[in-house]
């Protein structure tokens, strides 16, 4: 409710009642009502500004690559200001952007590790096959080869999971 509406409401109260019937009690009631409405509007605007400030803080944290702090700030915004709908919608988009960026960075690191492990696995496999052919393969070599395969498989699964997460976030951002 705008302040002009509050003032017009206050004026209507005085116009509708005749001069003779207006008592001190009615004037006090009207003044209290107007004061309450002004305070309600002021508090609502203040809470909206505070929610916007939290969103701005989260954007700055995201810009500084402090993803966890930005996500925590967004969570605080959602809990403390549940009625700041427009700000929460902006925060949701930022939340998705942060999660996407985190997943992309994690995928890049995981992919690099996967390539290194695959290179190591190729070397170990060739060495073990050569040692098997010469009947010199040891239990330690075979165990190391098996563990390296397990690491590779684990990293592949992690890459696939992160890829699915990225696709899901892109899908949600289009909605």
N, C-alpha and C. Protein backbone atom coordinates (compact mmCIF):
# COMPACT_ATOMS: atom_id res chain seq x y z
N UNK A 1 0.86 -1.16 0.00
CA UNK A 1 0.00 0.00 0.00
C UNK A 1 0.90 1.23 0.00
N UNK A 2 0.66 2.12 -0.94
CA UNK A 2 1.49 3.32 -1.06
C UNK A 2 1.08 4.35 -0.01
N UNK A 3 1.97 5.26 0.27
CA UNK A 3 1.71 6.29 1.29
C UNK A 3 0.55 7.18 0.85
N UNK A 4 0.45 7.43 -0.46
CA UNK A 4 -0.67 8.26 -0.94
C UNK A 4 -2.00 7.58 -0.67
N UNK A 5 -2.05 6.26 -0.77
CA UNK A 5 -3.27 5.52 -0.46
C UNK A 5 -3.60 5.62 1.03
N UNK A 6 -2.58 5.57 1.84
CA UNK A 6 -2.78 5.67 3.30
C UNK A 6 -3.35 7.03 3.64
N UNK A 7 -2.80 8.07 3.04
CA UNK A 7 -3.27 9.43 3.32
C UNK A 7 -4.70 9.61 2.83
N UNK A 8 -5.02 9.06 1.65
CA UNK A 8 -6.40 9.19 1.15
C UNK A 8 -7.37 8.43 2.03
N UNK A 9 -6.94 7.27 2.57
CA UNK A 9 -7.79 6.52 3.50
C UNK A 9 -8.04 7.34 4.76
N UNK A 10 -6.99 7.96 5.25
CA UNK A 10 -7.12 8.81 6.44
C UNK A 10 -8.08 9.97 6.17
N UNK A 11 -7.97 10.57 4.98
CA UNK A 11 -8.85 11.68 4.63
C UNK A 11 -10.30 11.23 4.52
N UNK A 12 -10.53 10.05 3.98
CA UNK A 12 -11.89 9.53 3.84
C UNK A 12 -12.54 9.33 5.21
N UNK A 13 -11.75 8.89 6.17
CA UNK A 13 -12.30 8.69 7.52
C UNK A 13 -12.83 10.02 8.06
N UNK A 14 -12.09 11.09 7.85
CA UNK A 14 -12.52 12.40 8.34
C UNK A 14 -13.69 12.95 7.54
N UNK A 15 -13.72 12.69 6.24
CA UNK A 15 -14.80 13.22 5.41
C UNK A 15 -16.12 12.52 5.74
N UNK A 16 -16.05 11.21 5.94
CA UNK A 16 -17.27 10.43 6.16
C UNK A 16 -17.94 10.74 7.50
N UNK A 17 -17.21 11.17 8.43
CA UNK A 17 -17.83 11.47 9.73
C UNK A 17 -18.07 12.97 9.84
N UNK A 18 -19.15 13.30 10.39
CA UNK A 18 -19.48 14.73 10.52
C UNK A 18 -18.67 15.34 11.65
N UNK A 19 -18.55 16.65 11.62
CA UNK A 19 -17.78 17.36 12.63
C UNK A 19 -18.31 17.11 14.04
N UNK A 20 -19.64 17.01 14.18
CA UNK A 20 -20.22 16.84 15.50
C UNK A 20 -19.91 15.46 16.09
N UNK A 21 -19.85 14.42 15.22
CA UNK A 21 -19.70 13.07 15.72
C UNK A 21 -18.24 12.68 15.95
N UNK A 22 -17.33 13.46 15.42
CA UNK A 22 -15.92 13.11 15.54
C UNK A 22 -15.47 13.33 16.97
N UNK A 23 -15.10 12.30 17.58
CA UNK A 23 -14.65 12.40 18.97
C UNK A 23 -13.14 12.16 19.03
N UNK A 24 -12.63 12.42 20.15
CA UNK A 24 -11.20 12.21 20.35
C UNK A 24 -10.83 10.75 20.15
N UNK A 25 -11.74 9.85 20.52
CA UNK A 25 -11.47 8.43 20.38
C UNK A 25 -11.35 8.04 18.91
N UNK A 26 -12.23 8.57 18.05
CA UNK A 26 -12.17 8.26 16.62
C UNK A 26 -10.91 8.84 15.99
N UNK A 27 -10.54 10.01 16.41
CA UNK A 27 -9.33 10.64 15.87
C UNK A 27 -8.12 9.79 16.27
N UNK A 28 -8.09 9.37 17.51
CA UNK A 28 -6.98 8.54 17.99
C UNK A 28 -6.92 7.22 17.23
N UNK A 29 -8.09 6.62 17.00
CA UNK A 29 -8.15 5.36 16.26
C UNK A 29 -7.65 5.57 14.82
N UNK A 30 -8.09 6.61 14.19
CA UNK A 30 -7.68 6.89 12.81
C UNK A 30 -6.18 7.14 12.73
N UNK A 31 -5.67 7.91 13.67
CA UNK A 31 -4.23 8.20 13.68
C UNK A 31 -3.42 6.92 13.91
N UNK A 32 -3.88 6.08 14.83
CA UNK A 32 -3.18 4.83 15.11
C UNK A 32 -3.19 3.92 13.87
N UNK A 33 -4.31 3.88 13.17
CA UNK A 33 -4.42 3.07 11.96
C UNK A 33 -3.46 3.57 10.89
N UNK A 34 -3.43 4.86 10.69
CA UNK A 34 -2.53 5.44 9.69
C UNK A 34 -1.08 5.16 10.07
N UNK A 35 -0.75 5.34 11.32
CA UNK A 35 0.61 5.09 11.78
C UNK A 35 1.00 3.63 11.58
N UNK A 36 0.09 2.72 11.90
CA UNK A 36 0.34 1.29 11.71
C UNK A 36 0.58 0.98 10.24
N UNK A 37 -0.24 1.53 9.36
CA UNK A 37 -0.08 1.27 7.93
C UNK A 37 1.24 1.83 7.40
N UNK A 38 1.61 2.99 7.85
CA UNK A 38 2.89 3.57 7.41
C UNK A 38 4.06 2.70 7.88
N UNK A 39 3.99 2.25 9.13
CA UNK A 39 5.05 1.38 9.65
C UNK A 39 5.09 0.05 8.92
N UNK A 40 3.94 -0.50 8.59
CA UNK A 40 3.89 -1.77 7.87
C UNK A 40 4.54 -1.64 6.50
N UNK A 41 4.23 -0.57 5.81
CA UNK A 41 4.82 -0.34 4.49
C UNK A 41 6.32 -0.13 4.62
N UNK A 42 6.74 0.64 5.60
CA UNK A 42 8.16 0.92 5.79
C UNK A 42 8.92 -0.35 6.14
N UNK A 43 8.36 -1.21 6.98
CA UNK A 43 9.02 -2.45 7.36
C UNK A 43 9.13 -3.40 6.18
N UNK A 44 8.08 -3.43 5.36
CA UNK A 44 8.10 -4.31 4.19
C UNK A 44 9.20 -3.86 3.23
N UNK A 45 9.30 -2.56 2.98
CA UNK A 45 10.34 -2.05 2.11
C UNK A 45 11.72 -2.34 2.69
N UNK A 46 11.87 -2.20 4.00
CA UNK A 46 13.15 -2.43 4.65
C UNK A 46 13.55 -3.90 4.53
N UNK A 47 12.61 -4.82 4.73
CA UNK A 47 12.90 -6.25 4.62
C UNK A 47 13.26 -6.61 3.19
N UNK A 48 12.60 -5.98 2.23
CA UNK A 48 12.92 -6.24 0.82
C UNK A 48 14.35 -5.75 0.52
N UNK A 49 14.70 -4.60 1.07
CA UNK A 49 16.05 -4.08 0.86
C UNK A 49 17.09 -4.98 1.50
N UNK A 50 16.79 -5.51 2.67
CA UNK A 50 17.73 -6.41 3.34
C UNK A 50 17.91 -7.70 2.53
N UNK A 51 16.81 -8.20 1.96
CA UNK A 51 16.90 -9.40 1.12
C UNK A 51 17.74 -9.12 -0.12
N UNK A 52 17.55 -7.96 -0.72
CA UNK A 52 18.34 -7.56 -1.90
C UNK A 52 19.82 -7.45 -1.53
N UNK A 53 20.11 -6.95 -0.34
CA UNK A 53 21.51 -6.84 0.10
C UNK A 53 22.16 -8.22 0.25
N UNK A 54 21.40 -9.17 0.78
CA UNK A 54 21.92 -10.53 0.89
C UNK A 54 22.19 -11.13 -0.49
N UNK A 55 21.28 -10.87 -1.42
CA UNK A 55 21.47 -11.36 -2.78
C UNK A 55 22.72 -10.74 -3.39
N UNK A 56 22.90 -9.45 -3.19
CA UNK A 56 24.10 -8.76 -3.69
C UNK A 56 25.36 -9.36 -3.08
N UNK A 57 25.31 -9.65 -1.80
CA UNK A 57 26.45 -10.28 -1.12
C UNK A 57 26.76 -11.64 -1.73
N UNK A 58 25.73 -12.43 -2.01
CA UNK A 58 25.92 -13.75 -2.62
C UNK A 58 26.52 -13.61 -4.02
N UNK A 59 26.08 -12.61 -4.77
CA UNK A 59 26.64 -12.39 -6.10
C UNK A 59 28.12 -12.02 -6.03
N UNK A 60 28.48 -11.21 -5.04
CA UNK A 60 29.88 -10.84 -4.86
C UNK A 60 30.72 -12.05 -4.47
N UNK A 61 30.19 -12.90 -3.62
CA UNK A 61 30.90 -14.10 -3.22
C UNK A 61 31.08 -15.04 -4.41
N UNK A 62 30.07 -15.15 -5.24
CA UNK A 62 30.15 -15.97 -6.45
C UNK A 62 31.21 -15.40 -7.39
N UNK A 63 31.23 -14.09 -7.54
CA UNK A 63 32.22 -13.44 -8.38
C UNK A 63 33.64 -13.67 -7.89
N UNK A 64 33.80 -13.84 -6.58
CA UNK A 64 35.11 -14.09 -5.98
C UNK A 64 35.42 -15.59 -5.90
N UNK A 65 34.58 -16.41 -6.53
CA UNK A 65 34.72 -17.88 -6.55
C UNK A 65 34.63 -18.50 -5.16
N UNK A 66 33.94 -17.83 -4.24
CA UNK A 66 33.69 -18.38 -2.91
C UNK A 66 32.29 -19.01 -2.95
N UNK A 67 32.22 -20.16 -3.62
CA UNK A 67 30.92 -20.77 -3.91
C UNK A 67 30.18 -21.21 -2.66
N UNK A 68 30.89 -21.80 -1.72
CA UNK A 68 30.21 -22.29 -0.52
C UNK A 68 29.61 -21.15 0.28
N UNK A 69 30.32 -20.05 0.40
CA UNK A 69 29.79 -18.89 1.13
C UNK A 69 28.59 -18.32 0.40
N UNK A 70 28.64 -18.28 -0.92
CA UNK A 70 27.52 -17.76 -1.70
C UNK A 70 26.28 -18.64 -1.52
N UNK A 71 26.46 -19.95 -1.52
CA UNK A 71 25.33 -20.86 -1.31
C UNK A 71 24.75 -20.70 0.09
N UNK A 72 25.61 -20.52 1.08
CA UNK A 72 25.14 -20.31 2.45
C UNK A 72 24.36 -19.00 2.57
N UNK A 73 24.83 -17.97 1.90
CA UNK A 73 24.13 -16.69 1.92
C UNK A 73 22.75 -16.82 1.28
N UNK A 74 22.68 -17.54 0.18
CA UNK A 74 21.39 -17.75 -0.49
C UNK A 74 20.45 -18.55 0.42
N UNK A 75 20.97 -19.56 1.08
CA UNK A 75 20.14 -20.33 2.02
C UNK A 75 19.61 -19.44 3.14
N UNK A 76 20.46 -18.55 3.64
CA UNK A 76 20.02 -17.61 4.69
C UNK A 76 18.92 -16.70 4.16
N UNK A 77 19.11 -16.21 2.96
CA UNK A 77 18.10 -15.33 2.35
C UNK A 77 16.75 -16.05 2.26
N UNK A 78 16.77 -17.30 1.82
CA UNK A 78 15.53 -18.06 1.66
C UNK A 78 14.84 -18.32 3.00
N UNK A 79 15.62 -18.52 4.05
CA UNK A 79 15.04 -18.81 5.36
C UNK A 79 14.54 -17.56 6.07
N UNK A 80 15.32 -16.48 6.00
CA UNK A 80 15.01 -15.27 6.76
C UNK A 80 13.95 -14.41 6.06
N UNK A 81 13.93 -14.43 4.74
CA UNK A 81 13.01 -13.57 3.98
C UNK A 81 12.14 -14.42 3.03
N UNK A 82 11.27 -15.24 3.59
CA UNK A 82 10.45 -16.12 2.74
C UNK A 82 9.44 -15.36 1.88
N UNK A 83 9.12 -14.13 2.23
CA UNK A 83 8.11 -13.37 1.47
C UNK A 83 8.72 -12.47 0.40
N UNK A 84 10.03 -12.44 0.29
CA UNK A 84 10.69 -11.63 -0.75
C UNK A 84 10.75 -12.47 -2.03
N UNK A 85 9.61 -12.62 -2.66
CA UNK A 85 9.46 -13.56 -3.78
C UNK A 85 10.38 -13.22 -4.95
N UNK A 86 10.39 -11.97 -5.39
CA UNK A 86 11.21 -11.60 -6.55
C UNK A 86 12.69 -11.80 -6.26
N UNK A 87 13.10 -11.45 -5.08
CA UNK A 87 14.50 -11.63 -4.70
C UNK A 87 14.84 -13.11 -4.63
N UNK A 88 13.93 -13.91 -4.14
CA UNK A 88 14.16 -15.35 -4.05
C UNK A 88 14.24 -15.98 -5.44
N UNK A 89 13.47 -15.46 -6.40
CA UNK A 89 13.56 -15.97 -7.77
C UNK A 89 14.94 -15.67 -8.36
N UNK A 90 15.44 -14.47 -8.11
CA UNK A 90 16.79 -14.11 -8.57
C UNK A 90 17.82 -15.00 -7.87
N UNK A 91 17.60 -15.26 -6.60
CA UNK A 91 18.53 -16.09 -5.83
C UNK A 91 18.54 -17.52 -6.36
N UNK A 92 17.40 -18.02 -6.80
CA UNK A 92 17.33 -19.37 -7.36
C UNK A 92 18.18 -19.47 -8.62
N UNK A 93 18.09 -18.46 -9.47
CA UNK A 93 18.91 -18.45 -10.69
C UNK A 93 20.39 -18.42 -10.33
N UNK A 94 20.75 -17.59 -9.36
CA UNK A 94 22.14 -17.52 -8.92
C UNK A 94 22.58 -18.85 -8.33
N UNK A 95 21.71 -19.48 -7.56
CA UNK A 95 22.01 -20.79 -6.96
C UNK A 95 22.33 -21.81 -8.05
N UNK A 96 21.51 -21.82 -9.11
CA UNK A 96 21.75 -22.74 -10.22
C UNK A 96 23.06 -22.43 -10.93
N UNK A 97 23.35 -21.15 -11.10
CA UNK A 97 24.61 -20.75 -11.73
C UNK A 97 25.82 -21.22 -10.92
N UNK A 98 25.71 -21.09 -9.60
CA UNK A 98 26.80 -21.50 -8.72
C UNK A 98 26.99 -23.02 -8.79
N UNK A 99 25.91 -23.76 -8.69
CA UNK A 99 26.00 -25.22 -8.75
C UNK A 99 26.56 -25.67 -10.10
N UNK A 100 26.15 -25.00 -11.17
CA UNK A 100 26.66 -25.34 -12.50
C UNK A 100 28.16 -25.09 -12.58
N UNK A 101 28.59 -23.95 -12.10
CA UNK A 101 30.02 -23.61 -12.14
C UNK A 101 30.84 -24.59 -11.30
N UNK A 102 30.32 -24.94 -10.12
CA UNK A 102 31.01 -25.91 -9.26
C UNK A 102 31.14 -27.26 -9.97
N UNK A 103 30.06 -27.72 -10.59
CA UNK A 103 30.07 -29.01 -11.27
C UNK A 103 31.02 -28.99 -12.47
N UNK A 104 31.04 -27.88 -13.21
CA UNK A 104 31.93 -27.78 -14.37
C UNK A 104 33.40 -27.81 -13.92
N UNK A 105 33.71 -27.10 -12.86
CA UNK A 105 35.10 -27.10 -12.37
C UNK A 105 35.49 -28.48 -11.84
N UNK A 106 34.58 -29.11 -11.12
CA UNK A 106 34.86 -30.45 -10.60
C UNK A 106 35.02 -31.45 -11.73
N UNK A 107 34.21 -31.30 -12.78
CA UNK A 107 34.32 -32.20 -13.94
C UNK A 107 35.67 -32.02 -14.63
N UNK A 108 36.14 -30.79 -14.75
CA UNK A 108 37.43 -30.55 -15.38
C UNK A 108 38.56 -31.22 -14.60
N UNK A 109 38.53 -31.11 -13.28
CA UNK A 109 39.56 -31.73 -12.44
C UNK A 109 39.46 -33.26 -12.54
N UNK A 110 38.24 -33.78 -12.46
CA UNK A 110 38.04 -35.23 -12.51
C UNK A 110 38.47 -35.79 -13.86
N UNK A 111 38.18 -35.06 -14.93
CA UNK A 111 38.57 -35.51 -16.26
C UNK A 111 40.10 -35.54 -16.39
N UNK A 112 40.78 -34.54 -15.84
CA UNK A 112 42.24 -34.53 -15.86
C UNK A 112 42.81 -35.73 -15.11
N UNK A 113 42.23 -36.00 -13.94
CA UNK A 113 42.67 -37.17 -13.16
C UNK A 113 42.41 -38.46 -13.93
N UNK A 114 41.27 -38.54 -14.59
CA UNK A 114 40.92 -39.73 -15.35
C UNK A 114 41.94 -39.96 -16.48
N UNK A 115 42.32 -38.91 -17.15
CA UNK A 115 43.31 -39.05 -18.23
C UNK A 115 44.65 -39.52 -17.69
N UNK A 116 45.07 -38.98 -16.55
CA UNK A 116 46.34 -39.40 -15.95
C UNK A 116 46.28 -40.86 -15.51
N UNK A 117 45.18 -41.26 -14.89
CA UNK A 117 45.03 -42.65 -14.43
C UNK A 117 44.97 -43.59 -15.64
N UNK A 118 44.29 -43.17 -16.71
CA UNK A 118 44.20 -44.01 -17.90
C UNK A 118 45.60 -44.21 -18.52
N UNK A 119 46.39 -43.14 -18.54
CA UNK A 119 47.76 -43.25 -19.04
C UNK A 119 48.57 -44.22 -18.17
N UNK A 120 48.45 -44.09 -16.86
CA UNK A 120 49.14 -44.98 -15.93
C UNK A 120 48.67 -46.43 -16.11
N UNK A 121 47.37 -46.61 -16.29
CA UNK A 121 46.81 -47.95 -16.49
C UNK A 121 47.34 -48.58 -17.78
N UNK A 122 47.40 -47.78 -18.84
CA UNK A 122 47.92 -48.30 -20.11
C UNK A 122 49.37 -48.78 -19.94
N UNK A 123 50.18 -47.99 -19.23
CA UNK A 123 51.58 -48.36 -19.00
C UNK A 123 51.66 -49.65 -18.17
N UNK A 124 50.87 -49.70 -17.07
CA UNK A 124 50.90 -50.89 -16.20
C UNK A 124 50.42 -52.13 -16.94
N UNK A 125 49.38 -51.97 -17.75
CA UNK A 125 48.84 -53.11 -18.49
C UNK A 125 49.90 -53.67 -19.45
N UNK A 126 50.56 -52.77 -20.17
CA UNK A 126 51.60 -53.22 -21.11
C UNK A 126 52.73 -53.93 -20.36
N UNK A 127 53.13 -53.37 -19.21
CA UNK A 127 54.22 -53.96 -18.44
C UNK A 127 53.81 -55.34 -17.89
N UNK A 128 52.59 -55.45 -17.35
CA UNK A 128 52.14 -56.73 -16.79
C UNK A 128 52.01 -57.77 -17.90
N UNK A 129 51.48 -57.38 -19.05
CA UNK A 129 51.34 -58.33 -20.16
C UNK A 129 52.72 -58.84 -20.61
N UNK A 130 53.68 -57.92 -20.64
CA UNK A 130 55.06 -58.29 -21.00
C UNK A 130 55.64 -59.24 -19.96
N UNK A 131 55.41 -58.92 -18.68
CA UNK A 131 55.92 -59.79 -17.61
C UNK A 131 55.21 -61.14 -17.59
N UNK A 132 53.91 -61.16 -17.92
CA UNK A 132 53.18 -62.43 -17.99
C UNK A 132 53.75 -63.32 -19.08
N UNK A 133 54.04 -62.69 -20.20
CA UNK A 133 54.58 -63.46 -21.33
C UNK A 133 55.94 -64.06 -20.97
N UNK A 134 56.70 -63.34 -20.16
CA UNK A 134 58.02 -63.83 -19.74
C UNK A 134 57.93 -64.61 -18.44
N UNK A 135 56.71 -64.80 -17.94
CA UNK A 135 56.46 -65.53 -16.68
C UNK A 135 57.16 -64.87 -15.49
N UNK A 136 57.18 -63.53 -15.47
CA UNK A 136 57.80 -62.79 -14.37
C UNK A 136 56.79 -61.89 -13.64
N UNK A 137 55.52 -61.95 -13.93
CA UNK A 137 54.51 -61.09 -13.30
C UNK A 137 54.40 -61.43 -11.82
N UNK A 138 54.42 -60.38 -11.00
CA UNK A 138 54.34 -60.60 -9.55
C UNK A 138 52.92 -60.29 -9.06
N UNK A 139 52.65 -60.75 -7.87
CA UNK A 139 51.34 -60.50 -7.25
C UNK A 139 51.16 -59.00 -7.00
N UNK A 140 52.24 -58.31 -6.65
CA UNK A 140 52.15 -56.87 -6.41
C UNK A 140 51.77 -56.12 -7.68
N UNK A 141 52.36 -56.53 -8.82
CA UNK A 141 52.04 -55.89 -10.10
C UNK A 141 50.56 -56.09 -10.45
N UNK A 142 50.10 -57.30 -10.26
CA UNK A 142 48.70 -57.61 -10.58
C UNK A 142 47.74 -56.85 -9.66
N UNK A 143 48.11 -56.74 -8.39
CA UNK A 143 47.29 -56.00 -7.42
C UNK A 143 47.26 -54.52 -7.79
N UNK A 144 48.41 -53.98 -8.15
CA UNK A 144 48.51 -52.57 -8.54
C UNK A 144 47.66 -52.31 -9.80
N UNK A 145 47.71 -53.23 -10.74
CA UNK A 145 46.92 -53.10 -11.96
C UNK A 145 45.42 -53.11 -11.64
N UNK A 146 45.01 -53.98 -10.77
CA UNK A 146 43.59 -54.06 -10.38
C UNK A 146 43.15 -52.79 -9.67
N UNK A 147 43.98 -52.28 -8.79
CA UNK A 147 43.65 -51.04 -8.06
C UNK A 147 43.57 -49.85 -9.02
N UNK A 148 44.46 -49.81 -9.97
CA UNK A 148 44.44 -48.72 -10.95
C UNK A 148 43.17 -48.79 -11.80
N UNK A 149 42.75 -49.97 -12.16
CA UNK A 149 41.48 -50.14 -12.91
C UNK A 149 40.30 -49.66 -12.06
N UNK A 150 40.33 -49.97 -10.77
CA UNK A 150 39.25 -49.53 -9.88
C UNK A 150 39.22 -48.01 -9.79
N UNK A 151 40.38 -47.36 -9.69
CA UNK A 151 40.43 -45.90 -9.66
C UNK A 151 39.86 -45.33 -10.95
N UNK A 152 40.27 -45.92 -12.09
CA UNK A 152 39.77 -45.45 -13.38
C UNK A 152 38.25 -45.58 -13.46
N UNK A 153 37.74 -46.71 -13.05
CA UNK A 153 36.29 -46.93 -13.10
C UNK A 153 35.55 -45.95 -12.19
N UNK A 154 36.11 -45.71 -11.01
CA UNK A 154 35.51 -44.76 -10.08
C UNK A 154 35.49 -43.35 -10.68
N UNK A 155 36.59 -42.95 -11.31
CA UNK A 155 36.64 -41.62 -11.93
C UNK A 155 35.68 -41.52 -13.12
N UNK A 156 35.54 -42.60 -13.87
CA UNK A 156 34.57 -42.60 -14.98
C UNK A 156 33.15 -42.38 -14.46
N UNK A 157 32.83 -43.08 -13.39
CA UNK A 157 31.50 -42.94 -12.79
C UNK A 157 31.29 -41.52 -12.30
N UNK A 158 32.31 -40.97 -11.68
CA UNK A 158 32.21 -39.59 -11.19
C UNK A 158 32.02 -38.61 -12.35
N UNK A 159 32.74 -38.82 -13.45
CA UNK A 159 32.58 -37.95 -14.63
C UNK A 159 31.17 -38.06 -15.20
N UNK A 160 30.66 -39.26 -15.28
CA UNK A 160 29.30 -39.45 -15.80
C UNK A 160 28.26 -38.79 -14.89
N UNK A 161 28.45 -38.90 -13.59
CA UNK A 161 27.53 -38.28 -12.64
C UNK A 161 27.55 -36.76 -12.75
N UNK A 162 28.76 -36.19 -12.84
CA UNK A 162 28.87 -34.74 -12.98
C UNK A 162 28.28 -34.26 -14.31
N UNK A 163 28.49 -35.03 -15.36
CA UNK A 163 27.88 -34.68 -16.65
C UNK A 163 26.37 -34.68 -16.57
N UNK A 164 25.80 -35.67 -15.89
CA UNK A 164 24.35 -35.72 -15.72
C UNK A 164 23.85 -34.53 -14.89
N UNK A 165 24.61 -34.16 -13.87
CA UNK A 165 24.24 -33.01 -13.03
C UNK A 165 24.24 -31.73 -13.86
N UNK A 166 25.25 -31.56 -14.70
CA UNK A 166 25.34 -30.37 -15.54
C UNK A 166 24.17 -30.32 -16.53
N UNK A 167 23.85 -31.45 -17.13
CA UNK A 167 22.70 -31.49 -18.06
C UNK A 167 21.40 -31.15 -17.33
N UNK A 168 21.25 -31.66 -16.12
CA UNK A 168 20.04 -31.39 -15.34
C UNK A 168 19.92 -29.90 -15.00
N UNK A 169 21.03 -29.29 -14.61
CA UNK A 169 21.00 -27.86 -14.28
C UNK A 169 20.66 -27.05 -15.52
N UNK A 170 21.24 -27.41 -16.67
CA UNK A 170 20.90 -26.70 -17.91
C UNK A 170 19.41 -26.83 -18.23
N UNK A 171 18.86 -28.02 -18.00
CA UNK A 171 17.44 -28.24 -18.25
C UNK A 171 16.59 -27.36 -17.34
N UNK A 172 16.94 -27.29 -16.06
CA UNK A 172 16.20 -26.48 -15.10
C UNK A 172 16.31 -24.99 -15.41
N UNK A 173 17.46 -24.55 -15.91
CA UNK A 173 17.64 -23.15 -16.25
C UNK A 173 16.78 -22.75 -17.44
N UNK A 174 16.49 -23.69 -18.33
CA UNK A 174 15.64 -23.38 -19.49
C UNK A 174 14.17 -23.28 -19.11
N UNK A 175 13.79 -23.88 -18.00
CA UNK A 175 12.38 -23.88 -17.57
C UNK A 175 11.97 -22.53 -17.03
